[in-house]
């Protein structure tokens, strides 16, 4: 997860929104830590569960927002955070149903974890510049 996050983080630009979904322990925060490292976020990227959102400065000057939507009940509550999504890079854990409409560049990553083997499988879909996730990530098929 961390390695994928590093790769993703190195490719992100202002206006990008990522929605990470999956059960507890699936690896959403680990992936986000890698993304934070890839965007060169300053400070410790940790779960913002109780704060709902953390903002990190980056070496590029583009704010990096790490949002945990687990306790939110509507997209309006996400809007109440008053985040400039167009001028920042945002990762929203538990973002399904909340992240849609925040940006023209949305990457949705759904993570499943096999409890017996601890293996993860992901499905990745996107809009805008993420409309072909495999191409965006540099994979060839």
N, C-alpha and C. Protein backbone atom coordinates (compact mmCIF):
# COMPACT_ATOMS: atom_id res chain seq x y z
N UNK A 1 0.82 -1.20 0.00
CA UNK A 1 0.00 0.00 0.00
C UNK A 1 0.86 1.26 0.00
N UNK A 2 1.89 1.24 0.84
CA UNK A 2 2.75 2.41 0.97
C UNK A 2 3.43 2.73 -0.37
N UNK A 3 3.91 1.70 -1.05
CA UNK A 3 4.60 1.91 -2.34
C UNK A 3 3.65 2.49 -3.38
N UNK A 4 2.43 1.99 -3.43
CA UNK A 4 1.44 2.56 -4.36
C UNK A 4 1.19 4.01 -4.00
N UNK A 5 1.09 4.30 -2.72
CA UNK A 5 0.90 5.68 -2.27
C UNK A 5 2.03 6.59 -2.72
N UNK A 6 3.26 6.12 -2.59
CA UNK A 6 4.41 6.91 -3.05
C UNK A 6 4.28 7.22 -4.53
N UNK A 7 3.94 6.20 -5.31
CA UNK A 7 3.79 6.38 -6.77
C UNK A 7 2.69 7.39 -7.06
N UNK A 8 1.54 7.20 -6.43
CA UNK A 8 0.42 8.13 -6.64
C UNK A 8 0.80 9.55 -6.25
N UNK A 9 1.38 9.69 -5.08
CA UNK A 9 1.73 11.01 -4.58
C UNK A 9 2.64 11.77 -5.52
N UNK A 10 3.55 11.06 -6.16
CA UNK A 10 4.49 11.72 -7.06
C UNK A 10 3.82 12.23 -8.33
N UNK A 11 2.60 11.77 -8.60
CA UNK A 11 1.90 12.13 -9.83
C UNK A 11 0.79 13.15 -9.62
N UNK A 12 0.47 13.46 -8.38
CA UNK A 12 -0.69 14.31 -8.08
C UNK A 12 -0.39 15.79 -8.24
N UNK A 13 -1.44 16.52 -8.62
CA UNK A 13 -1.34 17.97 -8.79
C UNK A 13 -2.53 18.64 -8.09
N UNK A 14 -2.46 19.95 -7.97
CA UNK A 14 -3.56 20.70 -7.35
C UNK A 14 -4.86 20.39 -8.08
N UNK A 15 -5.91 20.18 -7.31
CA UNK A 15 -7.23 19.87 -7.86
C UNK A 15 -7.56 18.39 -7.83
N UNK A 16 -6.57 17.54 -7.56
CA UNK A 16 -6.81 16.10 -7.51
C UNK A 16 -7.46 15.72 -6.18
N UNK A 17 -8.47 14.87 -6.27
CA UNK A 17 -9.15 14.33 -5.09
C UNK A 17 -9.13 12.82 -5.20
N UNK A 18 -8.75 12.15 -4.12
CA UNK A 18 -8.75 10.70 -4.06
C UNK A 18 -9.73 10.26 -2.99
N UNK A 19 -10.54 9.27 -3.32
CA UNK A 19 -11.50 8.69 -2.39
C UNK A 19 -11.05 7.27 -2.10
N UNK A 20 -10.74 7.00 -0.83
CA UNK A 20 -10.27 5.67 -0.43
C UNK A 20 -11.37 4.99 0.38
N UNK A 21 -11.72 3.78 -0.02
CA UNK A 21 -12.82 3.07 0.62
C UNK A 21 -12.41 1.64 0.93
N UNK A 22 -12.93 1.12 2.01
CA UNK A 22 -12.65 -0.24 2.41
C UNK A 22 -12.89 -0.39 3.90
N UNK A 23 -12.95 -1.62 4.38
CA UNK A 23 -13.22 -1.85 5.80
C UNK A 23 -12.06 -1.40 6.68
N UNK A 24 -12.31 -1.34 7.98
CA UNK A 24 -11.26 -1.03 8.94
C UNK A 24 -10.09 -2.00 8.73
N UNK A 25 -8.89 -1.47 8.74
CA UNK A 25 -7.71 -2.31 8.58
C UNK A 25 -7.37 -2.67 7.15
N UNK A 26 -8.07 -2.10 6.18
CA UNK A 26 -7.82 -2.43 4.78
C UNK A 26 -6.53 -1.81 4.26
N UNK A 27 -6.10 -0.71 4.84
CA UNK A 27 -4.87 -0.06 4.40
C UNK A 27 -5.04 1.35 3.89
N UNK A 28 -6.19 1.96 4.16
CA UNK A 28 -6.46 3.32 3.68
C UNK A 28 -5.45 4.33 4.23
N UNK A 29 -5.19 4.26 5.53
CA UNK A 29 -4.26 5.21 6.14
C UNK A 29 -2.83 4.92 5.70
N UNK A 30 -2.46 3.66 5.56
CA UNK A 30 -1.12 3.31 5.07
C UNK A 30 -0.93 3.85 3.66
N UNK A 31 -1.93 3.70 2.82
CA UNK A 31 -1.87 4.25 1.47
C UNK A 31 -1.73 5.77 1.52
N UNK A 32 -2.49 6.40 2.40
CA UNK A 32 -2.43 7.86 2.52
C UNK A 32 -1.07 8.33 3.02
N UNK A 33 -0.46 7.58 3.92
CA UNK A 33 0.90 7.94 4.38
C UNK A 33 1.88 7.93 3.21
N UNK A 34 1.75 6.93 2.35
CA UNK A 34 2.60 6.86 1.16
C UNK A 34 2.34 8.03 0.23
N UNK A 35 1.07 8.37 0.05
CA UNK A 35 0.72 9.52 -0.79
C UNK A 35 1.33 10.79 -0.20
N UNK A 36 1.19 10.93 1.12
CA UNK A 36 1.77 12.09 1.79
C UNK A 36 3.27 12.20 1.57
N UNK A 37 3.94 11.06 1.65
CA UNK A 37 5.38 11.05 1.39
C UNK A 37 5.67 11.41 -0.07
N UNK A 38 4.83 10.90 -0.98
CA UNK A 38 5.01 11.18 -2.41
C UNK A 38 4.81 12.64 -2.77
N UNK A 39 3.90 13.32 -2.07
CA UNK A 39 3.67 14.75 -2.34
C UNK A 39 4.60 15.62 -1.48
N UNK A 40 5.46 14.96 -0.70
CA UNK A 40 6.42 15.63 0.19
C UNK A 40 5.71 16.49 1.23
N UNK A 41 4.68 15.87 1.86
CA UNK A 41 3.95 16.55 2.93
C UNK A 41 4.85 16.69 4.15
N UNK A 42 4.70 17.80 4.83
CA UNK A 42 5.48 18.04 6.04
C UNK A 42 4.69 17.53 7.24
N UNK A 43 5.39 16.96 8.19
CA UNK A 43 4.74 16.45 9.39
C UNK A 43 4.29 15.01 9.23
N UNK A 44 3.81 14.45 10.31
CA UNK A 44 3.36 13.07 10.36
C UNK A 44 1.96 12.95 9.76
N UNK A 45 1.83 12.14 8.72
CA UNK A 45 0.51 11.89 8.13
C UNK A 45 -0.11 10.73 8.91
N UNK A 46 -1.10 11.05 9.73
CA UNK A 46 -1.76 10.04 10.55
C UNK A 46 -3.27 10.18 10.40
N UNK A 47 -3.98 9.18 10.88
CA UNK A 47 -5.43 9.18 10.72
C UNK A 47 -6.08 10.38 11.43
N UNK A 48 -6.90 11.14 10.69
CA UNK A 48 -7.57 12.29 11.30
C UNK A 48 -8.95 11.95 11.84
N UNK A 49 -9.17 10.71 12.28
CA UNK A 49 -10.50 10.25 12.68
C UNK A 49 -11.20 11.22 13.62
N UNK A 50 -10.54 11.67 14.66
CA UNK A 50 -11.21 12.52 15.63
C UNK A 50 -11.24 13.98 15.21
N UNK A 51 -10.28 14.39 14.40
CA UNK A 51 -10.25 15.77 13.91
C UNK A 51 -11.05 15.93 12.62
N UNK A 52 -11.32 14.86 11.94
CA UNK A 52 -11.96 14.77 10.64
C UNK A 52 -11.02 15.18 9.51
N UNK A 53 -10.26 16.25 9.66
CA UNK A 53 -9.36 16.67 8.58
C UNK A 53 -8.06 17.23 9.14
N UNK A 54 -6.98 16.91 8.45
CA UNK A 54 -5.66 17.48 8.74
C UNK A 54 -5.13 18.07 7.44
N UNK A 55 -4.49 19.21 7.55
CA UNK A 55 -3.87 19.84 6.40
C UNK A 55 -2.37 19.89 6.62
N UNK A 56 -1.64 19.46 5.61
CA UNK A 56 -0.18 19.45 5.66
C UNK A 56 0.36 20.39 4.59
N UNK A 57 1.38 21.13 4.91
CA UNK A 57 2.12 21.88 3.91
C UNK A 57 2.96 20.89 3.12
N UNK A 58 3.29 21.24 1.89
CA UNK A 58 4.17 20.40 1.08
C UNK A 58 5.32 21.26 0.56
N UNK A 59 6.36 20.60 0.12
CA UNK A 59 7.51 21.33 -0.42
C UNK A 59 7.15 22.10 -1.68
N UNK A 60 6.12 21.65 -2.40
CA UNK A 60 5.69 22.35 -3.62
C UNK A 60 4.80 23.56 -3.30
N UNK A 61 4.34 23.65 -2.06
CA UNK A 61 3.45 24.74 -1.67
C UNK A 61 1.98 24.42 -1.84
N UNK A 62 1.66 23.27 -2.43
CA UNK A 62 0.26 22.86 -2.61
C UNK A 62 -0.20 22.17 -1.32
N UNK A 63 -1.25 22.66 -0.67
CA UNK A 63 -1.73 22.01 0.56
C UNK A 63 -2.17 20.57 0.30
N UNK A 64 -1.89 19.70 1.26
CA UNK A 64 -2.29 18.30 1.21
C UNK A 64 -3.29 18.07 2.34
N UNK A 65 -4.53 17.74 1.97
CA UNK A 65 -5.59 17.51 2.95
C UNK A 65 -5.83 16.01 3.11
N UNK A 66 -5.84 15.56 4.34
CA UNK A 66 -6.16 14.17 4.67
C UNK A 66 -7.45 14.21 5.49
N UNK A 67 -8.51 13.68 4.92
CA UNK A 67 -9.85 13.79 5.50
C UNK A 67 -10.38 12.39 5.81
N UNK A 68 -11.00 12.24 6.96
CA UNK A 68 -11.64 10.99 7.34
C UNK A 68 -13.14 11.25 7.43
N UNK A 69 -13.89 10.73 6.47
CA UNK A 69 -15.33 10.99 6.40
C UNK A 69 -16.15 9.95 7.15
N UNK A 70 -15.51 9.08 7.91
CA UNK A 70 -16.21 7.99 8.60
C UNK A 70 -17.37 8.49 9.46
N UNK A 71 -17.18 9.59 10.18
CA UNK A 71 -18.21 10.08 11.09
C UNK A 71 -19.13 11.11 10.46
N UNK A 72 -18.93 11.42 9.19
CA UNK A 72 -19.79 12.41 8.53
C UNK A 72 -21.07 11.74 8.06
N UNK A 73 -22.16 12.48 8.09
CA UNK A 73 -23.43 11.90 7.67
C UNK A 73 -23.90 12.43 6.33
N UNK A 74 -23.25 13.49 5.82
CA UNK A 74 -23.67 14.02 4.52
C UNK A 74 -22.51 14.74 3.86
N UNK A 75 -22.61 14.90 2.55
CA UNK A 75 -21.60 15.63 1.79
C UNK A 75 -21.57 17.09 2.22
N UNK A 76 -22.68 17.60 2.72
CA UNK A 76 -22.73 18.99 3.19
C UNK A 76 -21.74 19.20 4.34
N UNK A 77 -21.59 18.19 5.20
CA UNK A 77 -20.62 18.31 6.30
C UNK A 77 -19.19 18.39 5.77
N UNK A 78 -18.92 17.70 4.68
CA UNK A 78 -17.61 17.79 4.05
C UNK A 78 -17.40 19.19 3.49
N UNK A 79 -18.44 19.75 2.91
CA UNK A 79 -18.37 21.11 2.38
C UNK A 79 -18.14 22.12 3.50
N UNK A 80 -18.67 21.84 4.68
CA UNK A 80 -18.51 22.74 5.84
C UNK A 80 -17.06 22.86 6.29
N UNK A 81 -16.19 21.95 5.85
CA UNK A 81 -14.78 22.02 6.22
C UNK A 81 -14.08 23.19 5.52
N UNK A 82 -14.76 23.77 4.52
CA UNK A 82 -14.27 24.95 3.82
C UNK A 82 -12.87 24.74 3.23
N UNK A 83 -12.71 23.63 2.53
CA UNK A 83 -11.44 23.29 1.89
C UNK A 83 -11.48 23.72 0.43
N UNK A 84 -10.41 24.32 -0.02
CA UNK A 84 -10.26 24.70 -1.43
C UNK A 84 -9.74 23.49 -2.19
N UNK A 85 -10.64 22.66 -2.68
CA UNK A 85 -10.24 21.43 -3.37
C UNK A 85 -9.50 21.72 -4.67
N UNK A 86 -9.86 22.79 -5.35
CA UNK A 86 -9.21 23.13 -6.62
C UNK A 86 -7.75 23.53 -6.43
N UNK A 87 -7.42 24.06 -5.27
CA UNK A 87 -6.06 24.53 -5.03
C UNK A 87 -5.24 23.62 -4.15
N UNK A 88 -5.69 22.38 -3.98
CA UNK A 88 -4.99 21.47 -3.07
C UNK A 88 -5.07 20.04 -3.60
N UNK A 89 -4.39 19.15 -2.90
CA UNK A 89 -4.48 17.71 -3.14
C UNK A 89 -5.20 17.14 -1.93
N UNK A 90 -6.26 16.38 -2.17
CA UNK A 90 -7.08 15.89 -1.06
C UNK A 90 -7.28 14.38 -1.13
N UNK A 91 -7.07 13.73 0.00
CA UNK A 91 -7.35 12.31 0.14
C UNK A 91 -8.46 12.18 1.17
N UNK A 92 -9.54 11.49 0.78
CA UNK A 92 -10.69 11.34 1.67
C UNK A 92 -10.90 9.85 1.96
N UNK A 93 -10.58 9.45 3.19
CA UNK A 93 -10.86 8.08 3.60
C UNK A 93 -12.36 7.96 3.84
N UNK A 94 -12.93 6.83 3.47
CA UNK A 94 -14.38 6.61 3.55
C UNK A 94 -15.10 7.64 2.67
N UNK A 95 -14.50 7.96 1.51
CA UNK A 95 -14.99 9.05 0.68
C UNK A 95 -16.16 8.74 -0.23
N UNK A 96 -16.53 7.48 -0.40
CA UNK A 96 -17.63 7.14 -1.30
C UNK A 96 -18.92 7.82 -0.84
N UNK A 97 -19.56 8.52 -1.76
CA UNK A 97 -20.77 9.25 -1.44
C UNK A 97 -20.51 10.66 -0.95
N UNK A 98 -19.24 10.98 -0.73
CA UNK A 98 -18.86 12.31 -0.27
C UNK A 98 -17.99 13.04 -1.28
N UNK A 99 -17.08 12.33 -1.93
CA UNK A 99 -16.07 12.96 -2.79
C UNK A 99 -16.59 13.34 -4.17
N UNK A 100 -17.63 12.67 -4.62
CA UNK A 100 -18.15 12.93 -5.95
C UNK A 100 -18.57 14.40 -6.05
N UNK A 101 -18.18 15.05 -7.13
CA UNK A 101 -18.56 16.44 -7.34
C UNK A 101 -17.60 17.46 -6.76
N UNK A 102 -16.58 17.01 -6.03
CA UNK A 102 -15.62 17.95 -5.45
C UNK A 102 -14.58 18.41 -6.46
N UNK A 103 -14.32 17.58 -7.46
CA UNK A 103 -13.29 17.89 -8.44
C UNK A 103 -13.59 17.17 -9.75
N UNK A 104 -13.09 17.73 -10.83
CA UNK A 104 -13.19 17.04 -12.12
C UNK A 104 -12.18 15.91 -12.20
N UNK A 105 -11.20 15.90 -11.30
CA UNK A 105 -10.17 14.86 -11.25
C UNK A 105 -10.35 14.06 -9.97
N UNK A 106 -11.12 12.98 -10.07
CA UNK A 106 -11.41 12.14 -8.90
C UNK A 106 -10.91 10.73 -9.17
N UNK A 107 -10.11 10.21 -8.25
CA UNK A 107 -9.65 8.83 -8.32
C UNK A 107 -10.24 8.09 -7.13
N UNK A 108 -11.00 7.03 -7.40
CA UNK A 108 -11.63 6.26 -6.33
C UNK A 108 -10.94 4.90 -6.23
N UNK A 109 -10.46 4.60 -5.04
CA UNK A 109 -9.77 3.33 -4.79
C UNK A 109 -10.55 2.57 -3.74
N UNK A 110 -11.05 1.40 -4.13
CA UNK A 110 -11.79 0.53 -3.21
C UNK A 110 -10.88 -0.65 -2.85
N UNK A 111 -10.66 -0.84 -1.56
CA UNK A 111 -9.73 -1.85 -1.07
C UNK A 111 -10.51 -2.92 -0.32
N UNK A 112 -10.24 -4.17 -0.66
CA UNK A 112 -10.81 -5.30 0.07
C UNK A 112 -9.65 -6.07 0.70
N UNK A 113 -9.88 -6.57 1.89
CA UNK A 113 -8.84 -7.31 2.61
C UNK A 113 -9.35 -8.69 2.98
N UNK A 114 -8.60 -9.72 2.60
CA UNK A 114 -8.92 -11.09 2.98
C UNK A 114 -8.38 -11.31 4.39
N UNK A 115 -9.27 -11.55 5.33
CA UNK A 115 -8.87 -11.67 6.73
C UNK A 115 -8.01 -12.91 7.00
N UNK A 116 -8.17 -13.96 6.19
CA UNK A 116 -7.38 -15.17 6.41
C UNK A 116 -5.96 -15.03 5.88
N UNK A 117 -5.81 -14.43 4.70
CA UNK A 117 -4.49 -14.33 4.08
C UNK A 117 -3.86 -12.95 4.25
N UNK A 118 -4.65 -11.97 4.66
CA UNK A 118 -4.22 -10.58 4.80
C UNK A 118 -3.87 -9.93 3.46
N UNK A 119 -4.26 -10.57 2.36
CA UNK A 119 -4.02 -9.99 1.03
C UNK A 119 -5.08 -8.95 0.72
N UNK A 120 -4.67 -7.92 0.00
CA UNK A 120 -5.59 -6.86 -0.41
C UNK A 120 -5.81 -6.91 -1.91
N UNK A 121 -7.03 -6.62 -2.31
CA UNK A 121 -7.34 -6.42 -3.72
C UNK A 121 -7.95 -5.04 -3.85
N UNK A 122 -7.67 -4.40 -4.97
CA UNK A 122 -8.16 -3.04 -5.18
C UNK A 122 -8.88 -2.94 -6.51
N UNK A 123 -9.89 -2.11 -6.52
CA UNK A 123 -10.49 -1.68 -7.79
C UNK A 123 -10.31 -0.16 -7.83
N UNK A 124 -9.86 0.31 -8.97
CA UNK A 124 -9.55 1.73 -9.12
C UNK A 124 -10.32 2.28 -10.31
N UNK A 125 -11.09 3.34 -10.06
CA UNK A 125 -11.82 4.02 -11.12
C UNK A 125 -11.55 5.51 -11.01
N UNK A 126 -11.79 6.21 -12.10
CA UNK A 126 -11.50 7.63 -12.04
C UNK A 126 -12.27 8.46 -13.03
N UNK A 127 -12.23 9.76 -12.79
CA UNK A 127 -12.85 10.76 -13.66
C UNK A 127 -11.79 11.78 -14.06
N UNK A 128 -12.03 12.47 -15.15
CA UNK A 128 -11.11 13.51 -15.59
C UNK A 128 -9.76 12.92 -15.97
N UNK A 129 -8.69 13.50 -15.45
CA UNK A 129 -7.37 13.01 -15.81
C UNK A 129 -7.09 11.61 -15.28
N UNK A 130 -7.97 11.12 -14.41
CA UNK A 130 -7.86 9.75 -13.89
C UNK A 130 -8.78 8.77 -14.64
N UNK A 131 -9.35 9.19 -15.76
CA UNK A 131 -10.35 8.35 -16.44
C UNK A 131 -9.77 7.01 -16.91
N UNK A 132 -8.46 6.93 -17.09
CA UNK A 132 -7.81 5.66 -17.40
C UNK A 132 -6.75 5.41 -16.32
N UNK A 133 -7.16 4.84 -15.18
CA UNK A 133 -6.23 4.70 -14.05
C UNK A 133 -4.96 3.92 -14.39
N UNK A 134 -5.06 2.87 -15.20
CA UNK A 134 -3.87 2.09 -15.54
C UNK A 134 -2.86 2.94 -16.30
N UNK A 135 -3.35 3.74 -17.23
CA UNK A 135 -2.46 4.62 -17.98
C UNK A 135 -1.87 5.69 -17.06
N UNK A 136 -2.70 6.24 -16.19
CA UNK A 136 -2.24 7.26 -15.26
C UNK A 136 -1.11 6.73 -14.38
N UNK A 137 -1.25 5.50 -13.93
CA UNK A 137 -0.24 4.91 -13.05
C UNK A 137 0.95 4.36 -13.82
N UNK A 138 0.90 4.44 -15.16
CA UNK A 138 2.03 4.02 -15.97
C UNK A 138 2.09 2.53 -16.23
N UNK A 139 0.98 1.83 -16.04
CA UNK A 139 0.95 0.40 -16.32
C UNK A 139 0.70 0.18 -17.80
N UNK A 140 1.15 -0.94 -18.31
CA UNK A 140 0.84 -1.33 -19.69
C UNK A 140 0.14 -2.67 -19.66
N UNK A 141 -0.87 -2.78 -20.48
CA UNK A 141 -1.62 -4.05 -20.55
C UNK A 141 -1.86 -4.40 -21.98
